Amino acid sequence: MSPHNAGEEAPQAGDLRRKLVRGGIVLAVVVAVAVGIVALVPGLSGVRSAIASASPSWVAAACGVQLVGLVGAVVFVQAVFDELPRRLTWWQGFGMQGANAVLPTAGSTGVSYWSVSALGWSTYRFAERTAVMIIAPAAPNLVLIMVIGIGMALACSPGRTTGG
């Protein structure tokens, strides 16, 4: 238990309800602003027509894929930062995914550092964990590139040939 939450007591039902209402209001405002931007900005007419012609089933499928990706990211954060409280890793994973949408890698790294530095983590300890979070997802891609490259070099798989 960290010194920051040693005197912390369990949240009351009223506190949870207020947080949910406040979160719902923030979500509604963000959605309203996004809809307003798409509706009012003149250069986004292509976006408006794409949204108008979108298939609801494909939109639902895309939302499902995004949700699975979000949960996968949270599970990955929980595996890398395994000694952090589970509730913090959920918020950290959500925040990192959101920050990645705005500023890939740097955004998630910033959110992650902000959350663990508040618990007293050293920069070195954070850097070790962050290296795992950056390198581990890239490892399967690297292996696949190597396998395909070796296959192409040995002429086991099709590829461009040079010469005449």
N, C-alpha and C. Protein backbone atom coordinates (compact mmCIF):
# COMPACT_ATOMS: atom_id res chain seq x y z
N MET A 1 0.86 -1.18 0.00
CA MET A 1 0.00 0.00 0.00
C MET A 1 0.89 1.23 0.00
N SER A 2 0.62 2.17 -0.83
CA SER A 2 1.44 3.36 -0.92
C SER A 2 1.02 4.35 0.16
N PRO A 3 1.92 5.28 0.49
CA PRO A 3 1.57 6.26 1.51
C PRO A 3 0.45 7.19 1.08
N HIS A 4 0.21 7.30 -0.23
CA HIS A 4 -0.84 8.19 -0.70
C HIS A 4 -2.24 7.68 -0.41
N ASN A 5 -2.40 6.36 -0.28
CA ASN A 5 -3.75 5.85 -0.03
C ASN A 5 -3.85 5.12 1.30
N ALA A 6 -2.89 5.35 2.21
CA ALA A 6 -2.90 4.66 3.49
C ALA A 6 -4.12 5.05 4.32
N GLY A 7 -4.52 6.33 4.30
CA GLY A 7 -5.65 6.77 5.08
C GLY A 7 -6.93 6.83 4.27
N GLU A 8 -6.89 6.32 3.08
CA GLU A 8 -8.05 6.40 2.18
C GLU A 8 -9.09 5.36 2.58
N GLU A 9 -10.33 5.78 2.64
CA GLU A 9 -11.39 4.84 2.98
C GLU A 9 -12.19 4.49 1.73
N ALA A 10 -12.98 3.45 1.84
CA ALA A 10 -13.77 2.99 0.69
C ALA A 10 -14.76 4.07 0.26
N PRO A 11 -14.94 4.23 -1.05
CA PRO A 11 -15.88 5.26 -1.52
C PRO A 11 -17.31 4.93 -1.11
N GLN A 12 -18.06 5.97 -0.79
CA GLN A 12 -19.45 5.81 -0.43
C GLN A 12 -20.30 5.75 -1.69
N ALA A 13 -21.52 5.22 -1.59
CA ALA A 13 -22.40 5.10 -2.74
C ALA A 13 -22.71 6.47 -3.34
N GLY A 14 -22.87 7.49 -2.51
CA GLY A 14 -23.14 8.84 -3.00
C GLY A 14 -21.97 9.40 -3.78
N ASP A 15 -20.73 9.10 -3.32
CA ASP A 15 -19.54 9.56 -4.04
C ASP A 15 -19.48 8.91 -5.42
N LEU A 16 -19.75 7.63 -5.47
CA LEU A 16 -19.71 6.91 -6.74
C LEU A 16 -20.77 7.46 -7.70
N ARG A 17 -21.95 7.73 -7.16
CA ARG A 17 -23.03 8.27 -8.00
C ARG A 17 -22.66 9.64 -8.56
N ARG A 18 -22.07 10.50 -7.71
CA ARG A 18 -21.65 11.82 -8.17
C ARG A 18 -20.58 11.70 -9.25
N LYS A 19 -19.64 10.78 -9.07
CA LYS A 19 -18.58 10.59 -10.07
C LYS A 19 -19.17 10.10 -11.39
N LEU A 20 -20.12 9.19 -11.33
CA LEU A 20 -20.76 8.68 -12.54
C LEU A 20 -21.54 9.78 -13.26
N VAL A 21 -22.26 10.58 -12.50
CA VAL A 21 -23.02 11.68 -13.10
C VAL A 21 -22.06 12.69 -13.72
N ARG A 22 -21.01 13.04 -12.99
CA ARG A 22 -20.03 13.99 -13.51
C ARG A 22 -19.36 13.44 -14.77
N GLY A 23 -19.01 12.15 -14.76
CA GLY A 23 -18.42 11.52 -15.94
C GLY A 23 -19.39 11.49 -17.11
N GLY A 24 -20.66 11.25 -16.84
CA GLY A 24 -21.68 11.26 -17.89
C GLY A 24 -21.85 12.64 -18.50
N ILE A 25 -21.79 13.65 -17.67
CA ILE A 25 -21.91 15.03 -18.16
C ILE A 25 -20.71 15.37 -19.04
N VAL A 26 -19.51 15.00 -18.60
CA VAL A 26 -18.31 15.26 -19.39
C VAL A 26 -18.40 14.54 -20.73
N LEU A 27 -18.83 13.28 -20.72
CA LEU A 27 -18.97 12.52 -21.96
C LEU A 27 -19.99 13.18 -22.89
N ALA A 28 -21.11 13.62 -22.36
CA ALA A 28 -22.13 14.27 -23.18
C ALA A 28 -21.59 15.56 -23.80
N VAL A 29 -20.83 16.33 -23.04
CA VAL A 29 -20.25 17.57 -23.56
C VAL A 29 -19.25 17.26 -24.67
N VAL A 30 -18.39 16.25 -24.46
CA VAL A 30 -17.41 15.89 -25.49
C VAL A 30 -18.10 15.43 -26.76
N VAL A 31 -19.14 14.60 -26.63
CA VAL A 31 -19.89 14.14 -27.81
C VAL A 31 -20.56 15.32 -28.51
N ALA A 32 -21.16 16.23 -27.74
CA ALA A 32 -21.82 17.39 -28.33
C ALA A 32 -20.82 18.27 -29.07
N VAL A 33 -19.65 18.48 -28.51
CA VAL A 33 -18.63 19.28 -29.18
C VAL A 33 -18.18 18.59 -30.47
N ALA A 34 -17.96 17.28 -30.42
CA ALA A 34 -17.55 16.54 -31.62
C ALA A 34 -18.61 16.62 -32.71
N VAL A 35 -19.87 16.44 -32.34
CA VAL A 35 -20.97 16.53 -33.31
C VAL A 35 -21.05 17.95 -33.87
N GLY A 36 -20.89 18.94 -33.00
CA GLY A 36 -20.92 20.33 -33.46
C GLY A 36 -19.80 20.65 -34.43
N ILE A 37 -18.61 20.14 -34.14
CA ILE A 37 -17.48 20.38 -35.04
C ILE A 37 -17.75 19.74 -36.40
N VAL A 38 -18.18 18.49 -36.40
CA VAL A 38 -18.46 17.81 -37.68
C VAL A 38 -19.58 18.51 -38.43
N ALA A 39 -20.58 18.99 -37.71
CA ALA A 39 -21.73 19.62 -38.37
C ALA A 39 -21.42 21.02 -38.89
N LEU A 40 -20.56 21.76 -38.21
CA LEU A 40 -20.40 23.17 -38.54
C LEU A 40 -19.13 23.53 -39.33
N VAL A 41 -18.09 22.73 -39.24
CA VAL A 41 -16.86 23.08 -39.94
C VAL A 41 -17.03 22.79 -41.43
N PRO A 42 -16.84 23.80 -42.27
CA PRO A 42 -17.11 23.64 -43.70
C PRO A 42 -16.27 22.56 -44.38
N GLY A 43 -15.04 22.37 -44.00
CA GLY A 43 -14.17 21.40 -44.66
C GLY A 43 -14.48 19.95 -44.35
N LEU A 44 -15.44 19.70 -43.47
CA LEU A 44 -15.75 18.33 -43.07
C LEU A 44 -17.00 17.77 -43.75
N SER A 45 -17.35 18.31 -44.89
CA SER A 45 -18.55 17.81 -45.58
C SER A 45 -18.39 16.35 -45.99
N GLY A 46 -17.18 15.92 -46.33
CA GLY A 46 -16.93 14.52 -46.66
C GLY A 46 -17.18 13.61 -45.47
N VAL A 47 -16.81 14.08 -44.29
CA VAL A 47 -17.04 13.31 -43.07
C VAL A 47 -18.54 13.19 -42.81
N ARG A 48 -19.26 14.31 -43.01
CA ARG A 48 -20.71 14.29 -42.80
C ARG A 48 -21.38 13.29 -43.75
N SER A 49 -20.99 13.29 -45.02
CA SER A 49 -21.62 12.36 -45.97
C SER A 49 -21.24 10.92 -45.66
N ALA A 50 -20.01 10.69 -45.20
CA ALA A 50 -19.60 9.33 -44.83
C ALA A 50 -20.39 8.84 -43.63
N ILE A 51 -20.62 9.71 -42.66
CA ILE A 51 -21.39 9.33 -41.48
C ILE A 51 -22.84 9.06 -41.87
N ALA A 52 -23.39 9.89 -42.74
CA ALA A 52 -24.78 9.73 -43.15
C ALA A 52 -25.01 8.42 -43.91
N SER A 53 -24.00 7.98 -44.65
CA SER A 53 -24.17 6.75 -45.43
C SER A 53 -23.60 5.51 -44.74
N ALA A 54 -23.14 5.65 -43.50
CA ALA A 54 -22.53 4.53 -42.79
C ALA A 54 -23.58 3.50 -42.40
N SER A 55 -23.20 2.24 -42.52
CA SER A 55 -24.07 1.14 -42.13
C SER A 55 -24.03 0.98 -40.61
N PRO A 56 -25.17 1.00 -39.94
CA PRO A 56 -25.16 0.86 -38.48
C PRO A 56 -24.50 -0.43 -38.01
N SER A 57 -24.64 -1.51 -38.77
CA SER A 57 -24.01 -2.77 -38.34
C SER A 57 -22.49 -2.68 -38.42
N TRP A 58 -21.95 -2.00 -39.44
CA TRP A 58 -20.50 -1.83 -39.53
C TRP A 58 -19.99 -0.87 -38.45
N VAL A 59 -20.76 0.14 -38.13
CA VAL A 59 -20.38 1.05 -37.05
C VAL A 59 -20.35 0.29 -35.73
N ALA A 60 -21.35 -0.54 -35.49
CA ALA A 60 -21.38 -1.35 -34.27
C ALA A 60 -20.20 -2.32 -34.23
N ALA A 61 -19.88 -2.94 -35.38
CA ALA A 61 -18.74 -3.84 -35.43
C ALA A 61 -17.43 -3.11 -35.13
N ALA A 62 -17.29 -1.90 -35.69
CA ALA A 62 -16.08 -1.11 -35.44
C ALA A 62 -15.98 -0.73 -33.96
N CYS A 63 -17.11 -0.38 -33.36
CA CYS A 63 -17.12 -0.07 -31.93
C CYS A 63 -16.72 -1.29 -31.10
N GLY A 64 -17.21 -2.45 -31.50
CA GLY A 64 -16.84 -3.69 -30.82
C GLY A 64 -15.35 -3.98 -30.91
N VAL A 65 -14.79 -3.80 -32.10
CA VAL A 65 -13.35 -4.02 -32.28
C VAL A 65 -12.56 -3.04 -31.42
N GLN A 66 -12.98 -1.79 -31.37
CA GLN A 66 -12.30 -0.79 -30.55
C GLN A 66 -12.39 -1.16 -29.06
N LEU A 67 -13.54 -1.65 -28.64
CA LEU A 67 -13.72 -2.04 -27.25
C LEU A 67 -12.81 -3.21 -26.88
N VAL A 68 -12.71 -4.19 -27.77
CA VAL A 68 -11.81 -5.32 -27.54
C VAL A 68 -10.37 -4.83 -27.46
N GLY A 69 -9.99 -3.91 -28.35
CA GLY A 69 -8.65 -3.34 -28.31
C GLY A 69 -8.38 -2.59 -27.02
N LEU A 70 -9.37 -1.87 -26.54
CA LEU A 70 -9.23 -1.12 -25.29
C LEU A 70 -9.03 -2.06 -24.11
N VAL A 71 -9.84 -3.11 -24.04
CA VAL A 71 -9.70 -4.07 -22.95
C VAL A 71 -8.34 -4.78 -23.04
N GLY A 72 -7.91 -5.11 -24.27
CA GLY A 72 -6.60 -5.72 -24.45
C GLY A 72 -5.48 -4.81 -23.97
N ALA A 73 -5.60 -3.52 -24.25
CA ALA A 73 -4.59 -2.56 -23.80
C ALA A 73 -4.55 -2.49 -22.28
N VAL A 74 -5.71 -2.52 -21.65
CA VAL A 74 -5.76 -2.47 -20.19
C VAL A 74 -5.12 -3.72 -19.59
N VAL A 75 -5.41 -4.88 -20.17
CA VAL A 75 -4.81 -6.13 -19.69
C VAL A 75 -3.29 -6.07 -19.84
N PHE A 76 -2.81 -5.52 -20.95
CA PHE A 76 -1.37 -5.38 -21.17
C PHE A 76 -0.75 -4.45 -20.13
N VAL A 77 -1.41 -3.33 -19.85
CA VAL A 77 -0.92 -2.40 -18.83
C VAL A 77 -0.88 -3.10 -17.47
N GLN A 78 -1.90 -3.90 -17.17
CA GLN A 78 -1.92 -4.61 -15.90
C GLN A 78 -0.78 -5.63 -15.80
N ALA A 79 -0.42 -6.24 -16.92
CA ALA A 79 0.68 -7.21 -16.91
C ALA A 79 2.03 -6.51 -16.73
N VAL A 80 2.20 -5.36 -17.36
CA VAL A 80 3.49 -4.65 -17.28
C VAL A 80 3.64 -3.95 -15.93
N PHE A 81 2.59 -3.32 -15.46
CA PHE A 81 2.62 -2.61 -14.18
C PHE A 81 1.88 -3.44 -13.13
N ASP A 82 2.33 -4.68 -12.94
CA ASP A 82 1.60 -5.65 -12.13
C ASP A 82 1.51 -5.31 -10.65
N GLU A 83 2.41 -4.49 -10.13
CA GLU A 83 2.31 -4.18 -8.70
C GLU A 83 1.46 -2.96 -8.40
N LEU A 84 0.95 -2.31 -9.44
CA LEU A 84 0.04 -1.18 -9.22
C LEU A 84 -1.36 -1.69 -8.88
N PRO A 85 -2.13 -0.89 -8.17
CA PRO A 85 -3.52 -1.29 -7.88
C PRO A 85 -4.29 -1.49 -9.19
N ARG A 86 -5.12 -2.52 -9.23
CA ARG A 86 -5.86 -2.86 -10.44
C ARG A 86 -6.72 -1.70 -10.92
N ARG A 87 -7.34 -0.98 -10.03
CA ARG A 87 -8.18 0.15 -10.43
C ARG A 87 -7.36 1.23 -11.15
N LEU A 88 -6.15 1.47 -10.66
CA LEU A 88 -5.28 2.46 -11.30
C LEU A 88 -4.88 1.99 -12.70
N THR A 89 -4.59 0.69 -12.85
CA THR A 89 -4.18 0.21 -14.16
C THR A 89 -5.33 0.28 -15.17
N TRP A 90 -6.57 0.14 -14.71
CA TRP A 90 -7.71 0.33 -15.63
C TRP A 90 -7.72 1.75 -16.14
N TRP A 91 -7.63 2.72 -15.23
CA TRP A 91 -7.65 4.13 -15.63
C TRP A 91 -6.42 4.48 -16.45
N GLN A 92 -5.28 3.90 -16.07
CA GLN A 92 -4.06 4.16 -16.80
C GLN A 92 -4.18 3.62 -18.24
N GLY A 93 -4.71 2.42 -18.40
CA GLY A 93 -4.89 1.84 -19.73
C GLY A 93 -5.85 2.65 -20.58
N PHE A 94 -6.98 3.07 -19.99
CA PHE A 94 -7.94 3.90 -20.73
C PHE A 94 -7.30 5.22 -21.14
N GLY A 95 -6.60 5.86 -20.20
CA GLY A 95 -5.96 7.15 -20.48
C GLY A 95 -4.88 7.03 -21.54
N MET A 96 -4.13 5.94 -21.49
CA MET A 96 -3.07 5.74 -22.48
C MET A 96 -3.65 5.55 -23.87
N GLN A 97 -4.74 4.81 -23.99
CA GLN A 97 -5.37 4.62 -25.29
C GLN A 97 -5.91 5.93 -25.84
N GLY A 98 -6.52 6.73 -24.99
CA GLY A 98 -7.03 8.03 -25.42
C GLY A 98 -5.90 8.96 -25.83
N ALA A 99 -4.83 8.97 -25.05
CA ALA A 99 -3.68 9.82 -25.38
C ALA A 99 -3.01 9.36 -26.67
N ASN A 100 -3.00 8.06 -26.92
CA ASN A 100 -2.42 7.53 -28.16
C ASN A 100 -3.17 8.03 -29.38
N ALA A 101 -4.45 8.26 -29.25
CA ALA A 101 -5.24 8.76 -30.38
C ALA A 101 -4.80 10.17 -30.77
N VAL A 102 -4.37 10.94 -29.79
CA VAL A 102 -3.97 12.32 -30.04
C VAL A 102 -2.48 12.42 -30.36
N LEU A 103 -1.66 11.71 -29.61
CA LEU A 103 -0.21 11.79 -29.77
C LEU A 103 0.38 10.40 -29.57
N PRO A 104 0.48 9.60 -30.64
CA PRO A 104 0.93 8.21 -30.52
C PRO A 104 2.26 8.07 -29.78
N THR A 105 2.35 7.06 -28.96
CA THR A 105 3.48 6.69 -28.11
C THR A 105 3.81 7.76 -27.08
N ALA A 106 4.06 8.98 -27.48
CA ALA A 106 4.41 10.03 -26.52
C ALA A 106 3.23 10.33 -25.60
N GLY A 107 2.01 10.32 -26.13
CA GLY A 107 0.84 10.58 -25.30
C GLY A 107 0.64 9.51 -24.24
N SER A 108 0.74 8.25 -24.65
CA SER A 108 0.55 7.17 -23.68
C SER A 108 1.69 7.13 -22.67
N THR A 109 2.90 7.45 -23.13
CA THR A 109 4.03 7.49 -22.21
C THR A 109 3.84 8.59 -21.17
N GLY A 110 3.35 9.75 -21.61
CA GLY A 110 3.11 10.85 -20.69
C GLY A 110 2.05 10.50 -19.65
N VAL A 111 0.95 9.91 -20.10
CA VAL A 111 -0.11 9.52 -19.16
C VAL A 111 0.41 8.49 -18.17
N SER A 112 1.16 7.53 -18.68
CA SER A 112 1.70 6.48 -17.83
C SER A 112 2.66 7.06 -16.79
N TYR A 113 3.56 7.94 -17.23
CA TYR A 113 4.51 8.54 -16.29
C TYR A 113 3.79 9.38 -15.24
N TRP A 114 2.81 10.13 -15.67
CA TRP A 114 2.05 10.97 -14.74
C TRP A 114 1.41 10.10 -13.65
N SER A 115 0.84 8.96 -14.04
CA SER A 115 0.14 8.12 -13.06
C SER A 115 1.10 7.43 -12.10
N VAL A 116 2.24 6.93 -12.58
CA VAL A 116 3.13 6.21 -11.67
C VAL A 116 4.03 7.16 -10.88
N SER A 117 4.33 8.34 -11.41
CA SER A 117 5.15 9.27 -10.64
C SER A 117 4.38 9.78 -9.43
N ALA A 118 3.06 9.84 -9.54
CA ALA A 118 2.24 10.24 -8.40
C ALA A 118 2.34 9.23 -7.26
N LEU A 119 2.73 7.98 -7.60
CA LEU A 119 2.90 6.94 -6.58
C LEU A 119 4.33 6.89 -6.06
N GLY A 120 5.20 7.75 -6.60
CA GLY A 120 6.57 7.79 -6.12
C GLY A 120 7.55 6.93 -6.91
N TRP A 121 7.17 6.48 -8.08
CA TRP A 121 8.09 5.68 -8.90
C TRP A 121 9.25 6.55 -9.38
N SER A 122 10.42 5.94 -9.47
CA SER A 122 11.57 6.65 -10.02
C SER A 122 11.48 6.66 -11.54
N THR A 123 12.19 7.59 -12.15
CA THR A 123 12.21 7.68 -13.61
C THR A 123 12.83 6.42 -14.21
N TYR A 124 13.86 5.88 -13.56
CA TYR A 124 14.52 4.67 -14.06
C TYR A 124 13.56 3.49 -14.06
N ARG A 125 12.85 3.31 -12.97
CA ARG A 125 11.89 2.20 -12.87
C ARG A 125 10.80 2.35 -13.92
N PHE A 126 10.33 3.57 -14.12
CA PHE A 126 9.31 3.82 -15.14
C PHE A 126 9.86 3.53 -16.54
N ALA A 127 11.10 3.95 -16.80
CA ALA A 127 11.71 3.75 -18.12
C ALA A 127 11.84 2.27 -18.45
N GLU A 128 12.17 1.46 -17.46
CA GLU A 128 12.25 0.00 -17.70
C GLU A 128 10.90 -0.55 -18.15
N ARG A 129 9.85 -0.20 -17.45
CA ARG A 129 8.52 -0.70 -17.78
C ARG A 129 8.03 -0.15 -19.11
N THR A 130 8.33 1.11 -19.39
CA THR A 130 7.90 1.72 -20.63
C THR A 130 8.59 1.07 -21.83
N ALA A 131 9.86 0.71 -21.66
CA ALA A 131 10.57 0.02 -22.73
C ALA A 131 9.85 -1.27 -23.09
N VAL A 132 9.39 -1.99 -22.09
CA VAL A 132 8.63 -3.23 -22.33
C VAL A 132 7.34 -2.90 -23.09
N MET A 133 6.67 -1.82 -22.69
CA MET A 133 5.40 -1.47 -23.34
C MET A 133 5.58 -1.03 -24.79
N ILE A 134 6.74 -0.50 -25.12
CA ILE A 134 6.99 -0.06 -26.49
C ILE A 134 7.52 -1.20 -27.35
N ILE A 135 8.43 -2.00 -26.80
CA ILE A 135 9.08 -3.06 -27.57
C ILE A 135 8.20 -4.31 -27.71
N ALA A 136 7.54 -4.73 -26.67
CA ALA A 136 6.78 -5.99 -26.71
C ALA A 136 5.72 -6.04 -27.82
N PRO A 137 4.90 -5.00 -28.02
CA PRO A 137 3.92 -5.09 -29.10
C PRO A 137 4.57 -5.09 -30.49
N ALA A 138 5.79 -4.57 -30.60
CA ALA A 138 6.45 -4.53 -31.91
C ALA A 138 7.16 -5.85 -32.23
N ALA A 139 7.42 -6.68 -31.24
CA ALA A 139 8.16 -7.91 -31.45
C ALA A 139 7.52 -8.85 -32.48
N PRO A 140 6.21 -9.11 -32.43
CA PRO A 140 5.63 -9.98 -33.45
C PRO A 140 5.80 -9.44 -34.87
N ASN A 141 5.69 -8.13 -35.04
CA ASN A 141 5.90 -7.52 -36.35
C ASN A 141 7.34 -7.73 -36.82
N LEU A 142 8.29 -7.56 -35.93
CA LEU A 142 9.69 -7.75 -36.28
C LEU A 142 9.95 -9.20 -36.70
N VAL A 143 9.41 -10.15 -35.96
CA VAL A 143 9.59 -11.56 -36.30
C VAL A 143 8.96 -11.85 -37.66
N LEU A 144 7.77 -11.35 -37.90
CA LEU A 144 7.11 -11.57 -39.19
C LEU A 144 7.91 -10.98 -40.34
N ILE A 145 8.43 -9.77 -40.16
CA ILE A 145 9.26 -9.15 -41.21
C ILE A 145 10.50 -10.00 -41.48
N MET A 146 11.11 -10.52 -40.42
CA MET A 146 12.29 -11.36 -40.61
C MET A 146 11.95 -12.65 -41.34
N VAL A 147 10.86 -13.30 -40.97
CA VAL A 147 10.46 -14.55 -41.62
C VAL A 147 10.15 -14.32 -43.10
N ILE A 148 9.39 -13.29 -43.39
CA ILE A 148 9.06 -12.99 -44.80
C ILE A 148 10.32 -12.61 -45.57
N GLY A 149 11.18 -11.82 -44.96
CA GLY A 149 12.43 -11.43 -45.62
C GLY A 149 13.32 -12.62 -45.91
N ILE A 150 13.46 -13.52 -44.97
CA ILE A 150 14.28 -14.72 -45.19
C ILE A 150 13.64 -15.59 -46.27
N GLY A 151 12.30 -15.71 -46.22
CA GLY A 151 11.59 -16.49 -47.25
C GLY A 151 11.80 -15.91 -48.63
N MET A 152 11.75 -14.59 -48.74
CA MET A 152 11.98 -13.95 -50.03
C MET A 152 13.43 -14.12 -50.48
N ALA A 153 14.39 -14.02 -49.54
CA ALA A 153 15.80 -14.17 -49.88
C ALA A 153 16.10 -15.58 -50.38
N LEU A 154 15.41 -16.57 -49.82
CA LEU A 154 15.62 -17.95 -50.23
C LEU A 154 14.70 -18.35 -51.38
N ALA A 155 13.96 -17.38 -51.90
CA ALA A 155 13.01 -17.59 -53.00
C ALA A 155 11.91 -18.57 -52.63
N CYS A 156 11.58 -18.65 -51.34
CA CYS A 156 10.48 -19.51 -50.90
C CYS A 156 9.14 -18.81 -51.02
N SER A 157 9.17 -17.50 -51.03
CA SER A 157 7.94 -16.75 -51.15
C SER A 157 8.12 -15.70 -52.25
N PRO A 158 7.03 -15.33 -52.89
CA PRO A 158 7.13 -14.40 -54.00
C PRO A 158 7.56 -13.00 -53.55
N GLY A 159 8.21 -12.32 -54.44
CA GLY A 159 8.65 -10.97 -54.19
C GLY A 159 9.22 -10.42 -55.47
N ARG A 160 9.62 -9.21 -55.44
CA ARG A 160 10.23 -8.60 -56.64
C ARG A 160 11.58 -9.23 -56.92
N THR A 161 11.86 -9.39 -58.16
CA THR A 161 13.18 -9.86 -58.55
C THR A 161 13.90 -8.74 -59.25
N THR A 162 15.20 -8.72 -59.09
CA THR A 162 15.97 -7.68 -59.75
C THR A 162 16.68 -8.27 -60.95
N GLY A 163 17.07 -7.43 -61.80
CA GLY A 163 17.79 -7.91 -62.97
C GLY A 163 16.89 -8.00 -64.18
N GLY A 164 17.42 -8.59 -65.23
CA GLY A 164 16.75 -8.48 -66.47
C GLY A 164 16.06 -9.59 -67.04
